[in-house]
Amino acid sequence: MRTKRVWQCDASGNLLGATVAGESPLEPGVFLIPADAVETKPPYPLSGTQQWRWVRGSWVEVDVRR
């Protein structure tokens, strides 16, 4: 079975980290993407006070300072 890397988000779209999508055993070439995960890699690493959020089909930098 083939796999590919995808990026897992929480329900609000905040990036949690990379995860793996496995190929469907019934449809070769089709990958089973986990819920709330996206195939688009975040553009670049962010500092400790910033994080990525998936919003309407693209990554947006958000400030996480409280």
Foldseek 3Di string as FASTA:
>chain_A
DDKDKWWAAPPQQWTPGIDIWDADPVDGPDTDADPRIGRDDAPDDDDPQWTWGQDPHHTDIDGNDD
